[in-house]
Amino acid sequence: MSNFILHHYQASPFAEKIRTILGFKGLSYREVTIPIIMPKPDLTALTGGYRKTPVLQQGRHVYCDTRLIARVIDEHANEHTNEHTLFPQDQAATANILAQWADQHLFGLAVALVFSPLGITELAKKVPPAMLEALVKDRADLRRGATAPKISLETVLSQLPIYLQQFEQQLLDSGPYLLGQQPSIADFSVYHCLWFINNNPAVRAYLQPYPALQKWLVMMINIGHGTVSNISGQDAIDEAKLGEPISNSELNFLEYDGLKHGSQVSVQPSDYGFDPVMGELVLSLLDEVAIKRKDERAGEVYVHFPRIGYQIKSAL
């Protein structure tokens, strides 16, 4: 069993990406079910304010953003089980750039479709009106000041079929996975976007004309989520207090913008959800930073972020 704790909720597309990676790697882990909307007091005690879903915890180390979380899981599984890596060296640029595009642009199209009038009408059948209203307001607050423009339904209906047809052709030519015989991070990033659409019966039909893509989607769903047990948010906070402190943090430390080991910094997403996390910079790698912060409930916690997609600035 791994010592991973996944903080998530079931309806989260990005959490589905990580749950399926955990399932593909055959890992056992624990989960904390977090609120869909703010406030999220147990989560932010660990993250220092970061509120996006999911978050992965390993002792007192807290990993934010699925770009980094996927890599942490992959490295752990490769070390302990010799599983096939999701980041093949001979396709590193293709897999990573396709994954990044899917997490940003394709996900934006999926959200616009699911929250279109047709999709909202379907959601309203399952979600009480007050909860749906609170959800819409919470997501509007999250995206306030977002750098990407809001996507119209017209844009979705003109662009999504182009991408779906391209996926269909690529799977026919070189499948069963998007980049060939083995799944990569690209598959899991595209998958969670289409899973989100597929889960809404009112808009699911937009995926139906593509049989190879449908077969791939079923294959991805059938991977499952691994072996999971539930714990409370307080249990996770208590475990953070007992975790190992960071070691060798000055080794291979890369200095950017004059930020040195021990600098006081703020870290926040560069696209939306501008909730800064403040702390002491203790790890700086090519595509990962970690800051040390102290919380009255969780104690000393190390919060990790990828470099791509985040602003790391001096807090002084």
C-alpha atoms as a PDB file:
ATOM      1  CA  MET A   1       0.000   0.000   0.000  1.00  0.00           C
ATOM      2  CA  SER A   2       1.255   3.483  -0.822  1.00  0.00           C
ATOM      3  CA  ASN A   3       1.111   6.237   1.782  1.00  0.00           C
ATOM      4  CA  PHE A   4      -0.720   8.551  -0.621  1.00  0.00           C
ATOM      5  CA  ILE A   5      -3.799  10.454   0.500  1.00  0.00           C
ATOM      6  CA  LEU A   6      -5.972  11.877  -2.282  1.00  0.00           C
ATOM      7  CA  HIS A   7      -8.064  14.918  -1.362  1.00  0.00           C
ATOM      8  CA  HIS A   8     -10.911  15.087  -3.900  1.00  0.00           C
ATOM      9  CA  TYR A   9     -14.624  14.732  -4.617  1.00  0.00           C
ATOM     10  CA  GLN A  10     -16.187  12.221  -6.979  1.00  0.00           C
ATOM     11  CA  ALA A  11     -17.552  14.637  -9.596  1.00  0.00           C
ATOM     12  CA  SER A  12     -14.193  16.359 -10.189  1.00  0.00           C
ATOM     13  CA  PRO A  13     -12.793  15.703 -13.704  1.00  0.00           C
ATOM     14  CA  PHE A  14      -9.207  16.399 -12.661  1.00  0.00           C
ATOM     15  CA  ALA A  15      -9.646  14.046  -9.710  1.00  0.00           C
ATOM     16  CA  GLU A  16     -10.891  11.397 -12.164  1.00  0.00           C
ATOM     17  CA  LYS A  17      -7.614  11.824 -14.057  1.00  0.00           C
ATOM     18  CA  ILE A  18      -5.606  11.050 -10.909  1.00  0.00           C
ATOM     19  CA  ARG A  19      -7.931   8.306  -9.642  1.00  0.00           C
ATOM     20  CA  THR A  20      -7.532   6.514 -12.976  1.00  0.00           C
ATOM     21  CA  ILE A  21      -3.748   6.901 -12.932  1.00  0.00           C
ATOM     22  CA  LEU A  22      -3.725   5.381  -9.437  1.00  0.00           C
ATOM     23  CA  GLY A  23      -5.887   2.562 -10.778  1.00  0.00           C
ATOM     24  CA  PHE A  24      -3.618   2.003 -13.773  1.00  0.00           C
ATOM     25  CA  LYS A  25      -0.625   1.809 -11.459  1.00  0.00           C
ATOM     26  CA  GLY A  26      -2.449  -0.705  -9.255  1.00  0.00           C
ATOM     27  CA  LEU A  27      -1.900   1.360  -6.124  1.00  0.00           C
ATOM     28  CA  SER A  28      -3.716   1.288  -2.805  1.00  0.00           C
ATOM     29  CA  TYR A  29      -4.275   4.680  -1.217  1.00  0.00           C
ATOM     30  CA  ARG A  30      -6.546   6.618   1.111  1.00  0.00           C
ATOM     31  CA  GLU A  31      -8.973   9.374   0.207  1.00  0.00           C
ATOM     32  CA  VAL A  32     -10.429  12.412   1.896  1.00  0.00           C
ATOM     33  CA  THR A  33     -13.699  13.610   0.398  1.00  0.00           C
ATOM     34  CA  ILE A  34     -13.556  17.406   0.334  1.00  0.00           C
ATOM     35  CA  PRO A  35     -16.401  19.902  -0.190  1.00  0.00           C
ATOM     36  CA  ILE A  36     -17.229  20.765  -3.799  1.00  0.00           C
ATOM     37  CA  ILE A  37     -17.318  24.480  -2.969  1.00  0.00           C
ATOM     38  CA  MET A  38     -15.566  26.737  -0.503  1.00  0.00           C
ATOM     39  CA  PRO A  39     -14.908  26.793   2.394  1.00  0.00           C
ATOM     40  CA  LYS A  40     -12.568  23.793   2.578  1.00  0.00           C
ATOM     41  CA  PRO A  41     -10.943  24.240   6.007  1.00  0.00           C
ATOM     42  CA  ASP A  42      -9.186  20.860   6.273  1.00  0.00           C
ATOM     43  CA  LEU A  43      -7.735  21.127   2.761  1.00  0.00           C
ATOM     44  CA  THR A  44      -6.512  24.715   3.077  1.00  0.00           C
ATOM     45  CA  ALA A  45      -4.920  23.906   6.441  1.00  0.00           C
ATOM     46  CA  LEU A  46      -2.594  21.687   4.411  1.00  0.00           C
ATOM     47  CA  THR A  47      -2.228  23.798   1.270  1.00  0.00           C
ATOM     48  CA  GLY A  48      -2.111  27.271   2.770  1.00  0.00           C
ATOM     49  CA  GLY A  49      -4.993  28.498   0.632  1.00  0.00           C
ATOM     50  CA  TYR A  50      -4.736  26.575  -2.636  1.00  0.00           C
ATOM     51  CA  ARG A  51      -8.271  25.317  -3.316  1.00  0.00           C
ATOM     52  CA  LYS A  52      -8.238  23.459  -6.640  1.00  0.00           C
ATOM     53  CA  THR A  53      -9.068  19.747  -6.795  1.00  0.00           C
ATOM     54  CA  PRO A  54      -7.390  17.299  -6.389  1.00  0.00           C
ATOM     55  CA  VAL A  55      -4.490  17.515  -3.956  1.00  0.00           C
ATOM     56  CA  LEU A  56      -2.168  14.594  -3.176  1.00  0.00           C
ATOM     57  CA  GLN A  57      -0.619  14.202   0.264  1.00  0.00           C
ATOM     58  CA  GLN A  58       2.310  12.082   1.327  1.00  0.00           C
ATOM     59  CA  GLY A  59       3.058  12.663   5.002  1.00  0.00           C
ATOM     60  CA  ARG A  60       3.727  16.354   5.434  1.00  0.00           C
ATOM     61  CA  HIS A  61       4.314  16.815   1.697  1.00  0.00           C
ATOM     62  CA  VAL A  62       1.350  18.214  -0.221  1.00  0.00           C
ATOM     63  CA  TYR A  63       1.346  18.136  -4.042  1.00  0.00           C
ATOM     64  CA  CYS A  64      -0.804  20.573  -6.016  1.00  0.00           C
ATOM     65  CA  ASP A  65      -1.851  20.410  -9.697  1.00  0.00           C
ATOM     66  CA  THR A  66      -2.288  17.175 -11.638  1.00  0.00           C
ATOM     67  CA  ARG A  67       0.736  18.021 -13.810  1.00  0.00           C
ATOM     68  CA  LEU A  68       2.938  17.374 -10.774  1.00  0.00           C
ATOM     69  CA  ILE A  69       0.706  14.840  -9.009  1.00  0.00           C
ATOM     70  CA  ALA A  70       0.768  12.502 -12.029  1.00  0.00           C
ATOM     71  CA  ARG A  71       4.551  12.591 -12.120  1.00  0.00           C
ATOM     72  CA  VAL A  72       4.861  11.908  -8.382  1.00  0.00           C
ATOM     73  CA  ILE A  73       2.588   8.860  -8.679  1.00  0.00           C
ATOM     74  CA  ASP A  74       4.396   7.647 -11.802  1.00  0.00           C
ATOM     75  CA  GLU A  75       7.817   7.897 -10.166  1.00  0.00           C
ATOM     76  CA  HIS A  76       6.592   6.121  -7.030  1.00  0.00           C
ATOM     77  CA  ALA A  77       5.018   3.266  -9.022  1.00  0.00           C
ATOM     78  CA  ASN A  78       8.047   2.892 -11.302  1.00  0.00           C
ATOM     79  CA  GLU A  79      10.321   2.633  -8.275  1.00  0.00           C
ATOM     80  CA  HIS A  80       8.195   0.061  -6.446  1.00  0.00           C
ATOM     81  CA  THR A  81       6.438  -1.953  -9.158  1.00  0.00           C
ATOM     82  CA  ASN A  82       8.417  -1.358 -12.392  1.00  0.00           C
ATOM     83  CA  GLU A  83       5.235  -0.236 -14.133  1.00  0.00           C
ATOM     84  CA  HIS A  84       5.325   1.318 -17.596  1.00  0.00           C
ATOM     85  CA  THR A  85       6.010   5.057 -17.287  1.00  0.00           C
ATOM     86  CA  LEU A  86       3.362   7.575 -18.341  1.00  0.00           C
ATOM     87  CA  PHE A  87       6.158   9.867 -19.534  1.00  0.00           C
ATOM     88  CA  PRO A  88       8.032   7.926 -22.254  1.00  0.00           C
ATOM     89  CA  GLN A  89      11.355   9.558 -23.080  1.00  0.00           C
ATOM     90  CA  ASP A  90      11.002   9.025 -26.823  1.00  0.00           C
ATOM     91  CA  GLN A  91       7.656  10.880 -26.805  1.00  0.00           C
ATOM     92  CA  ALA A  92       8.254  13.338 -23.976  1.00  0.00           C
ATOM     93  CA  ALA A  93       7.417  16.504 -25.890  1.00  0.00           C
ATOM     94  CA  THR A  94       4.378  15.018 -27.632  1.00  0.00           C
ATOM     95  CA  ALA A  95       2.903  13.448 -24.490  1.00  0.00           C
ATOM     96  CA  ASN A  96       3.491  16.432 -22.205  1.00  0.00           C
ATOM     97  CA  ILE A  97       2.377  19.118 -24.633  1.00  0.00           C
ATOM     98  CA  LEU A  98      -0.768  17.176 -25.601  1.00  0.00           C
ATOM     99  CA  ALA A  99      -1.527  16.670 -21.895  1.00  0.00           C
ATOM    100  CA  GLN A 100      -1.055  20.360 -21.157  1.00  0.00           C
ATOM    101  CA  TRP A 101      -3.268  21.348 -24.098  1.00  0.00           C
ATOM    102  CA  ALA A 102      -5.977  18.938 -22.935  1.00  0.00           C
ATOM    103  CA  ASP A 103      -5.871  20.157 -19.329  1.00  0.00           C
ATOM    104  CA  GLN A 104      -6.301  23.724 -20.509  1.00  0.00           C
ATOM    105  CA  HIS A 105      -8.070  24.094 -23.859  1.00  0.00           C
ATOM    106  CA  LEU A 106      -9.936  20.789 -24.203  1.00  0.00           C
ATOM    107  CA  PHE A 107     -11.060  21.016 -20.578  1.00  0.00           C
ATOM    108  CA  GLY A 108     -12.346  24.535 -21.254  1.00  0.00           C
ATOM    109  CA  LEU A 109     -14.450  23.223 -24.119  1.00  0.00           C
ATOM    110  CA  ALA A 110     -15.777  20.398 -21.937  1.00  0.00           C
ATOM    111  CA  VAL A 111     -16.752  22.780 -19.135  1.00  0.00           C
ATOM    112  CA  ALA A 112     -18.483  25.142 -21.557  1.00  0.00           C
ATOM    113  CA  LEU A 113     -20.475  22.224 -22.976  1.00  0.00           C
ATOM    114  CA  VAL A 114     -21.429  20.697 -19.618  1.00  0.00           C
ATOM    115  CA  PHE A 115     -22.446  24.107 -18.246  1.00  0.00           C
ATOM    116  CA  SER A 116     -24.343  25.075 -21.401  1.00  0.00           C
ATOM    117  CA  PRO A 117     -28.136  25.474 -21.045  1.00  0.00           C
ATOM    118  CA  LEU A 118     -28.625  21.864 -22.150  1.00  0.00           C
ATOM    119  CA  GLY A 119     -26.056  20.542 -19.687  1.00  0.00           C
ATOM    120  CA  ILE A 120     -27.264  22.711 -16.800  1.00  0.00           C
ATOM    121  CA  THR A 121     -30.822  21.483 -17.340  1.00  0.00           C
ATOM    122  CA  GLU A 122     -29.556  17.925 -16.885  1.00  0.00           C
ATOM    123  CA  LEU A 123     -27.532  18.858 -13.794  1.00  0.00           C
ATOM    124  CA  ALA A 124     -30.611  20.490 -12.308  1.00  0.00           C
ATOM    125  CA  LYS A 125     -32.344  17.082 -12.330  1.00  0.00           C
ATOM    126  CA  LYS A 126     -29.749  15.721  -9.889  1.00  0.00           C
ATOM    127  CA  VAL A 127     -28.614  18.764  -7.895  1.00  0.00           C
ATOM    128  CA  PRO A 128     -30.930  20.810  -5.653  1.00  0.00           C
ATOM    129  CA  PRO A 129     -31.456  24.363  -6.991  1.00  0.00           C
ATOM    130  CA  ALA A 130     -29.720  26.041  -4.035  1.00  0.00           C
ATOM    131  CA  MET A 131     -26.676  23.767  -4.392  1.00  0.00           C
ATOM    132  CA  LEU A 132     -26.499  24.307  -8.155  1.00  0.00           C
ATOM    133  CA  GLU A 133     -26.702  28.061  -7.665  1.00  0.00           C
ATOM    134  CA  ALA A 134     -23.945  27.907  -5.036  1.00  0.00           C
ATOM    135  CA  LEU A 135     -21.790  25.791  -7.363  1.00  0.00           C
ATOM    136  CA  VAL A 136     -22.161  28.216 -10.267  1.00  0.00           C
ATOM    137  CA  LYS A 137     -21.306  31.158  -7.992  1.00  0.00           C
ATOM    138  CA  ASP A 138     -18.295  29.347  -6.518  1.00  0.00           C
ATOM    139  CA  ARG A 139     -16.887  28.569  -9.969  1.00  0.00           C
ATOM    140  CA  ALA A 140     -17.482  32.162 -11.076  1.00  0.00           C
ATOM    141  CA  ASP A 141     -15.516  33.345  -8.023  1.00  0.00           C
ATOM    142  CA  LEU A 142     -12.757  30.856  -8.830  1.00  0.00           C
ATOM    143  CA  ARG A 143     -12.461  32.173 -12.388  1.00  0.00           C
ATOM    144  CA  ARG A 144     -12.685  35.872 -11.527  1.00  0.00           C
ATOM    145  CA  GLY A 145      -9.863  37.611 -13.403  1.00  0.00           C
ATOM    146  CA  ALA A 146      -9.017  34.455 -15.391  1.00  0.00           C
ATOM    147  CA  THR A 147      -6.489  35.013 -18.162  1.00  0.00           C
ATOM    148  CA  ALA A 148      -8.364  32.809 -20.679  1.00  0.00           C
ATOM    149  CA  PRO A 149     -11.556  34.251 -22.201  1.00  0.00           C
ATOM    150  CA  LYS A 150     -14.876  32.555 -21.531  1.00  0.00           C
ATOM    151  CA  ILE A 151     -15.670  29.969 -24.218  1.00  0.00           C
ATOM    152  CA  SER A 152     -19.020  30.272 -25.985  1.00  0.00           C
ATOM    153  CA  LEU A 153     -21.195  27.311 -26.890  1.00  0.00           C
ATOM    154  CA  GLU A 154     -20.761  28.267 -30.553  1.00  0.00           C
ATOM    155  CA  THR A 155     -17.010  27.873 -30.153  1.00  0.00           C
ATOM    156  CA  VAL A 156     -17.464  24.462 -28.552  1.00  0.00           C
ATOM    157  CA  LEU A 157     -19.733  23.214 -31.309  1.00  0.00           C
ATOM    158  CA  SER A 158     -17.356  24.377 -34.025  1.00  0.00           C
ATOM    159  CA  GLN A 159     -14.080  23.197 -32.441  1.00  0.00           C
ATOM    160  CA  LEU A 160     -14.877  20.040 -30.462  1.00  0.00           C
ATOM    161  CA  PRO A 161     -15.792  17.912 -33.530  1.00  0.00           C
ATOM    162  CA  ILE A 162     -12.452  18.814 -35.114  1.00  0.00           C
ATOM    163  CA  TYR A 163     -10.507  17.464 -32.137  1.00  0.00           C
ATOM    164  CA  LEU A 164     -12.743  14.420 -31.719  1.00  0.00           C
ATOM    165  CA  GLN A 165     -12.261  13.468 -35.369  1.00  0.00           C
ATOM    166  CA  GLN A 166      -8.497  13.856 -35.013  1.00  0.00           C
ATOM    167  CA  PHE A 167      -8.504  11.585 -31.952  1.00  0.00           C
ATOM    168  CA  GLU A 168     -10.667   9.100 -33.854  1.00  0.00           C
ATOM    169  CA  GLN A 169      -8.240   8.985 -36.780  1.00  0.00           C
ATOM    170  CA  GLN A 170      -5.169   8.700 -34.598  1.00  0.00           C
ATOM    171  CA  LEU A 171      -6.655   5.827 -32.605  1.00  0.00           C
ATOM    172  CA  LEU A 172      -7.560   4.049 -35.855  1.00  0.00           C
ATOM    173  CA  ASP A 173      -4.078   4.548 -37.284  1.00  0.00           C
ATOM    174  CA  SER A 174      -1.867   3.931 -34.249  1.00  0.00           C
ATOM    175  CA  GLY A 175      -4.031   2.869 -31.268  1.00  0.00           C
ATOM    176  CA  PRO A 176      -5.174   1.415 -28.989  1.00  0.00           C
ATOM    177  CA  TYR A 177      -3.905   4.505 -27.122  1.00  0.00           C
ATOM    178  CA  LEU A 178      -3.410   8.025 -28.394  1.00  0.00           C
ATOM    179  CA  LEU A 179       0.345   7.658 -28.839  1.00  0.00           C
ATOM    180  CA  GLY A 180       0.519   3.978 -29.662  1.00  0.00           C
ATOM    181  CA  GLN A 181       0.603   0.689 -27.807  1.00  0.00           C
ATOM    182  CA  GLN A 182       1.013   2.043 -24.271  1.00  0.00           C
ATOM    183  CA  PRO A 183      -0.968   4.709 -22.411  1.00  0.00           C
ATOM    184  CA  SER A 184       0.799   7.956 -21.617  1.00  0.00           C
ATOM    185  CA  ILE A 185      -0.055  11.068 -19.646  1.00  0.00           C
ATOM    186  CA  ALA A 186      -1.749  12.335 -22.821  1.00  0.00           C
ATOM    187  CA  ASP A 187      -4.399   9.608 -22.573  1.00  0.00           C
ATOM    188  CA  PHE A 188      -5.287  10.433 -18.987  1.00  0.00           C
ATOM    189  CA  SER A 189      -5.452  14.176 -19.655  1.00  0.00           C
ATOM    190  CA  VAL A 190      -7.709  13.802 -22.685  1.00  0.00           C
ATOM    191  CA  TYR A 191      -9.732  11.145 -20.864  1.00  0.00           C
ATOM    192  CA  HIS A 192     -10.843  13.256 -17.910  1.00  0.00           C
ATOM    193  CA  CYS A 193     -12.207  15.943 -20.252  1.00  0.00           C
ATOM    194  CA  LEU A 194     -14.260  13.450 -22.262  1.00  0.00           C
ATOM    195  CA  TRP A 195     -15.296  11.632 -19.056  1.00  0.00           C
ATOM    196  CA  PHE A 196     -16.804  14.931 -17.886  1.00  0.00           C
ATOM    197  CA  ILE A 197     -18.842  15.221 -21.083  1.00  0.00           C
ATOM    198  CA  ASN A 198     -19.789  11.547 -21.056  1.00  0.00           C
ATOM    199  CA  ASN A 199     -21.124  11.814 -17.494  1.00  0.00           C
ATOM    200  CA  ASN A 200     -23.797  14.303 -18.561  1.00  0.00           C
ATOM    201  CA  PRO A 201     -26.508  12.466 -20.541  1.00  0.00           C
ATOM    202  CA  ALA A 202     -27.705  15.684 -22.170  1.00  0.00           C
ATOM    203  CA  VAL A 203     -24.389  16.322 -23.966  1.00  0.00           C
ATOM    204  CA  ARG A 204     -23.030  12.768 -24.200  1.00  0.00           C
ATOM    205  CA  ALA A 205     -24.333  12.483 -27.749  1.00  0.00           C
ATOM    206  CA  TYR A 206     -21.540  14.741 -29.025  1.00  0.00           C
ATOM    207  CA  LEU A 207     -19.113  11.833 -28.409  1.00  0.00           C
ATOM    208  CA  GLN A 208     -21.222   9.129 -30.070  1.00  0.00           C
ATOM    209  CA  PRO A 209     -20.197   9.472 -33.779  1.00  0.00           C
ATOM    210  CA  TYR A 210     -16.646   8.259 -33.052  1.00  0.00           C
ATOM    211  CA  PRO A 211     -16.516   4.461 -32.526  1.00  0.00           C
ATOM    212  CA  ALA A 212     -12.754   4.173 -31.996  1.00  0.00           C
ATOM    213  CA  LEU A 213     -12.885   6.991 -29.466  1.00  0.00           C
ATOM    214  CA  GLN A 214     -15.849   5.309 -27.752  1.00  0.00           C
ATOM    215  CA  LYS A 215     -13.873   2.064 -27.493  1.00  0.00           C
ATOM    216  CA  TRP A 216     -10.890   3.949 -26.055  1.00  0.00           C
ATOM    217  CA  LEU A 217     -13.140   5.754 -23.565  1.00  0.00           C
ATOM    218  CA  VAL A 218     -14.613   2.464 -22.321  1.00  0.00           C
ATOM    219  CA  MET A 219     -11.093   1.050 -22.005  1.00  0.00           C
ATOM    220  CA  MET A 220     -10.010   4.040 -19.912  1.00  0.00           C
ATOM    221  CA  ILE A 221     -13.105   3.855 -17.681  1.00  0.00           C
ATOM    222  CA  ASN A 222     -12.502   0.146 -17.105  1.00  0.00           C
ATOM    223  CA  ILE A 223      -9.056   0.842 -15.647  1.00  0.00           C
ATOM    224  CA  GLY A 224     -10.819   1.725 -12.402  1.00  0.00           C
ATOM    225  CA  HIS A 225      -9.497   3.638  -9.422  1.00  0.00           C
ATOM    226  CA  GLY A 226      -7.297   1.171  -7.570  1.00  0.00           C
ATOM    227  CA  THR A 227      -7.864   0.100  -3.961  1.00  0.00           C
ATOM    228  CA  VAL A 228      -9.038   2.965  -1.788  1.00  0.00           C
ATOM    229  CA  SER A 229     -10.143   3.500   1.802  1.00  0.00           C
ATOM    230  CA  ASN A 230     -11.697   6.618   3.289  1.00  0.00           C
ATOM    231  CA  ILE A 231     -10.277   8.752   6.101  1.00  0.00           C
ATOM    232  CA  SER A 232     -11.298  12.097   7.548  1.00  0.00           C
ATOM    233  CA  GLY A 233      -9.717  15.452   6.860  1.00  0.00           C
ATOM    234  CA  GLN A 234      -8.564  15.574  10.477  1.00  0.00           C
ATOM    235  CA  ASP A 235      -6.867  12.167  10.083  1.00  0.00           C
ATOM    236  CA  ALA A 236      -4.908  13.563   7.124  1.00  0.00           C
ATOM    237  CA  ILE A 237      -3.921  16.655   9.101  1.00  0.00           C
ATOM    238  CA  ASP A 238      -2.762  14.479  12.006  1.00  0.00           C
ATOM    239  CA  GLU A 239      -0.660  12.407   9.599  1.00  0.00           C
ATOM    240  CA  ALA A 240       0.983  15.560   8.240  1.00  0.00           C
ATOM    241  CA  LYS A 241       2.201  16.375  11.753  1.00  0.00           C
ATOM    242  CA  LEU A 242       3.998  13.024  11.932  1.00  0.00           C
ATOM    243  CA  GLY A 243       5.575  13.126   8.458  1.00  0.00           C
ATOM    244  CA  GLU A 244       9.263  13.289   7.657  1.00  0.00           C
ATOM    245  CA  PRO A 245      10.783  16.757   7.099  1.00  0.00           C
ATOM    246  CA  ILE A 246      12.326  17.588   3.750  1.00  0.00           C
ATOM    247  CA  SER A 247      15.960  16.486   3.309  1.00  0.00           C
ATOM    248  CA  ASN A 248      18.783  17.576   1.010  1.00  0.00           C
ATOM    249  CA  SER A 249      16.645  20.528  -0.005  1.00  0.00           C
ATOM    250  CA  GLU A 250      19.651  22.600  -1.120  1.00  0.00           C
ATOM    251  CA  LEU A 251      20.910  19.917  -3.517  1.00  0.00           C
ATOM    252  CA  ASN A 252      20.381  20.843  -7.182  1.00  0.00           C
ATOM    253  CA  PHE A 253      18.616  24.038  -6.115  1.00  0.00           C
ATOM    254  CA  LEU A 254      17.986  26.183  -9.208  1.00  0.00           C
ATOM    255  CA  GLU A 255      17.901  29.921  -8.655  1.00  0.00           C
ATOM    256  CA  TYR A 256      15.455  31.892 -10.809  1.00  0.00           C
ATOM    257  CA  ASP A 257      14.661  35.598 -10.572  1.00  0.00           C
ATOM    258  CA  GLY A 258      17.007  35.996  -7.631  1.00  0.00           C
ATOM    259  CA  LEU A 259      15.006  33.594  -5.450  1.00  0.00           C
ATOM    260  CA  LYS A 260      17.381  31.628  -3.240  1.00  0.00           C
ATOM    261  CA  HIS A 261      16.946  28.774  -0.800  1.00  0.00           C
ATOM    262  CA  GLY A 262      15.036  30.181   2.143  1.00  0.00           C
ATOM    263  CA  SER A 263      13.525  33.127   0.255  1.00  0.00           C
ATOM    264  CA  GLN A 264      10.021  34.136   1.323  1.00  0.00           C
ATOM    265  CA  VAL A 265       7.793  33.629  -1.709  1.00  0.00           C
ATOM    266  CA  SER A 266       4.206  33.487  -2.869  1.00  0.00           C
ATOM    267  CA  VAL A 267       2.983  30.875  -5.350  1.00  0.00           C
ATOM    268  CA  GLN A 268      -0.285  31.108  -7.257  1.00  0.00           C
ATOM    269  CA  PRO A 269      -1.789  29.778 -10.499  1.00  0.00           C
ATOM    270  CA  SER A 270      -1.267  31.945 -13.565  1.00  0.00           C
ATOM    271  CA  ASP A 271      -4.616  31.110 -15.239  1.00  0.00           C
ATOM    272  CA  TYR A 272      -7.353  31.273 -12.581  1.00  0.00           C
ATOM    273  CA  GLY A 273      -7.925  30.567  -8.900  1.00  0.00           C
ATOM    274  CA  PHE A 274      -5.527  33.280  -7.745  1.00  0.00           C
ATOM    275  CA  ASP A 275      -5.190  32.186  -4.111  1.00  0.00           C
ATOM    276  CA  PRO A 276      -1.545  32.781  -3.157  1.00  0.00           C
ATOM    277  CA  VAL A 277       0.302  30.316  -0.947  1.00  0.00           C
ATOM    278  CA  MET A 278       2.986  31.980   1.147  1.00  0.00           C
ATOM    279  CA  GLY A 279       6.073  30.382   2.626  1.00  0.00           C
ATOM    280  CA  GLU A 280       9.809  29.697   2.527  1.00  0.00           C
ATOM    281  CA  LEU A 281      11.250  28.382  -0.738  1.00  0.00           C
ATOM    282  CA  VAL A 282      12.999  25.100   0.118  1.00  0.00           C
ATOM    283  CA  LEU A 283      12.989  23.209  -3.190  1.00  0.00           C
ATOM    284  CA  SER A 284      13.578  24.540  -6.694  1.00  0.00           C
ATOM    285  CA  LEU A 285      13.924  22.056  -9.545  1.00  0.00           C
ATOM    286  CA  LEU A 286      13.396  22.350 -13.296  1.00  0.00           C
ATOM    287  CA  ASP A 287       9.614  21.886 -13.077  1.00  0.00           C
ATOM    288  CA  GLU A 288       8.906  21.737  -9.343  1.00  0.00           C
ATOM    289  CA  VAL A 289       9.090  24.080  -6.387  1.00  0.00           C
ATOM    290  CA  ALA A 290       8.195  23.511  -2.756  1.00  0.00           C
ATOM    291  CA  ILE A 291       7.572  26.000  -0.004  1.00  0.00           C
ATOM    292  CA  LYS A 292       7.657  25.375   3.722  1.00  0.00           C
ATOM    293  CA  ARG A 293       4.827  26.839   5.727  1.00  0.00           C
ATOM    294  CA  LYS A 294       3.534  26.424   9.254  1.00  0.00           C
ATOM    295  CA  ASP A 295      -0.095  25.889  10.126  1.00  0.00           C
ATOM    296  CA  GLU A 296      -1.597  25.885  13.593  1.00  0.00           C
ATOM    297  CA  ARG A 297      -3.442  22.638  12.839  1.00  0.00           C
ATOM    298  CA  ALA A 298      -1.109  20.775  10.459  1.00  0.00           C
ATOM    299  CA  GLY A 299       2.261  21.946  11.762  1.00  0.00           C
ATOM    300  CA  GLU A 300       5.156  22.289   9.321  1.00  0.00           C
ATOM    301  CA  VAL A 301       3.996  21.410   5.797  1.00  0.00           C
ATOM    302  CA  TYR A 302       5.808  21.365   2.442  1.00  0.00           C
ATOM    303  CA  VAL A 303       3.557  22.438  -0.425  1.00  0.00           C
ATOM    304  CA  HIS A 304       4.777  21.437  -3.903  1.00  0.00           C
ATOM    305  CA  PHE A 305       3.824  22.997  -7.251  1.00  0.00           C
ATOM    306  CA  PRO A 306       4.905  22.514 -10.865  1.00  0.00           C
ATOM    307  CA  ARG A 307       6.672  25.503 -12.340  1.00  0.00           C
ATOM    308  CA  ILE A 308       4.587  25.587 -15.523  1.00  0.00           C
ATOM    309  CA  GLY A 309       1.245  27.229 -14.860  1.00  0.00           C
ATOM    310  CA  TYR A 310       2.326  29.053 -11.685  1.00  0.00           C
ATOM    311  CA  GLN A 311       3.777  32.371 -10.670  1.00  0.00           C
ATOM    312  CA  ILE A 312       6.560  32.198  -8.084  1.00  0.00           C
ATOM    313  CA  LYS A 313       7.400  35.627  -6.718  1.00  0.00           C
ATOM    314  CA  SER A 314       9.217  37.186  -3.787  1.00  0.00           C
ATOM    315  CA  ALA A 315       6.842  37.884  -0.911  1.00  0.00           C
ATOM    316  CA  LEU A 316       9.033  40.675   0.482  1.00  0.00           C
END
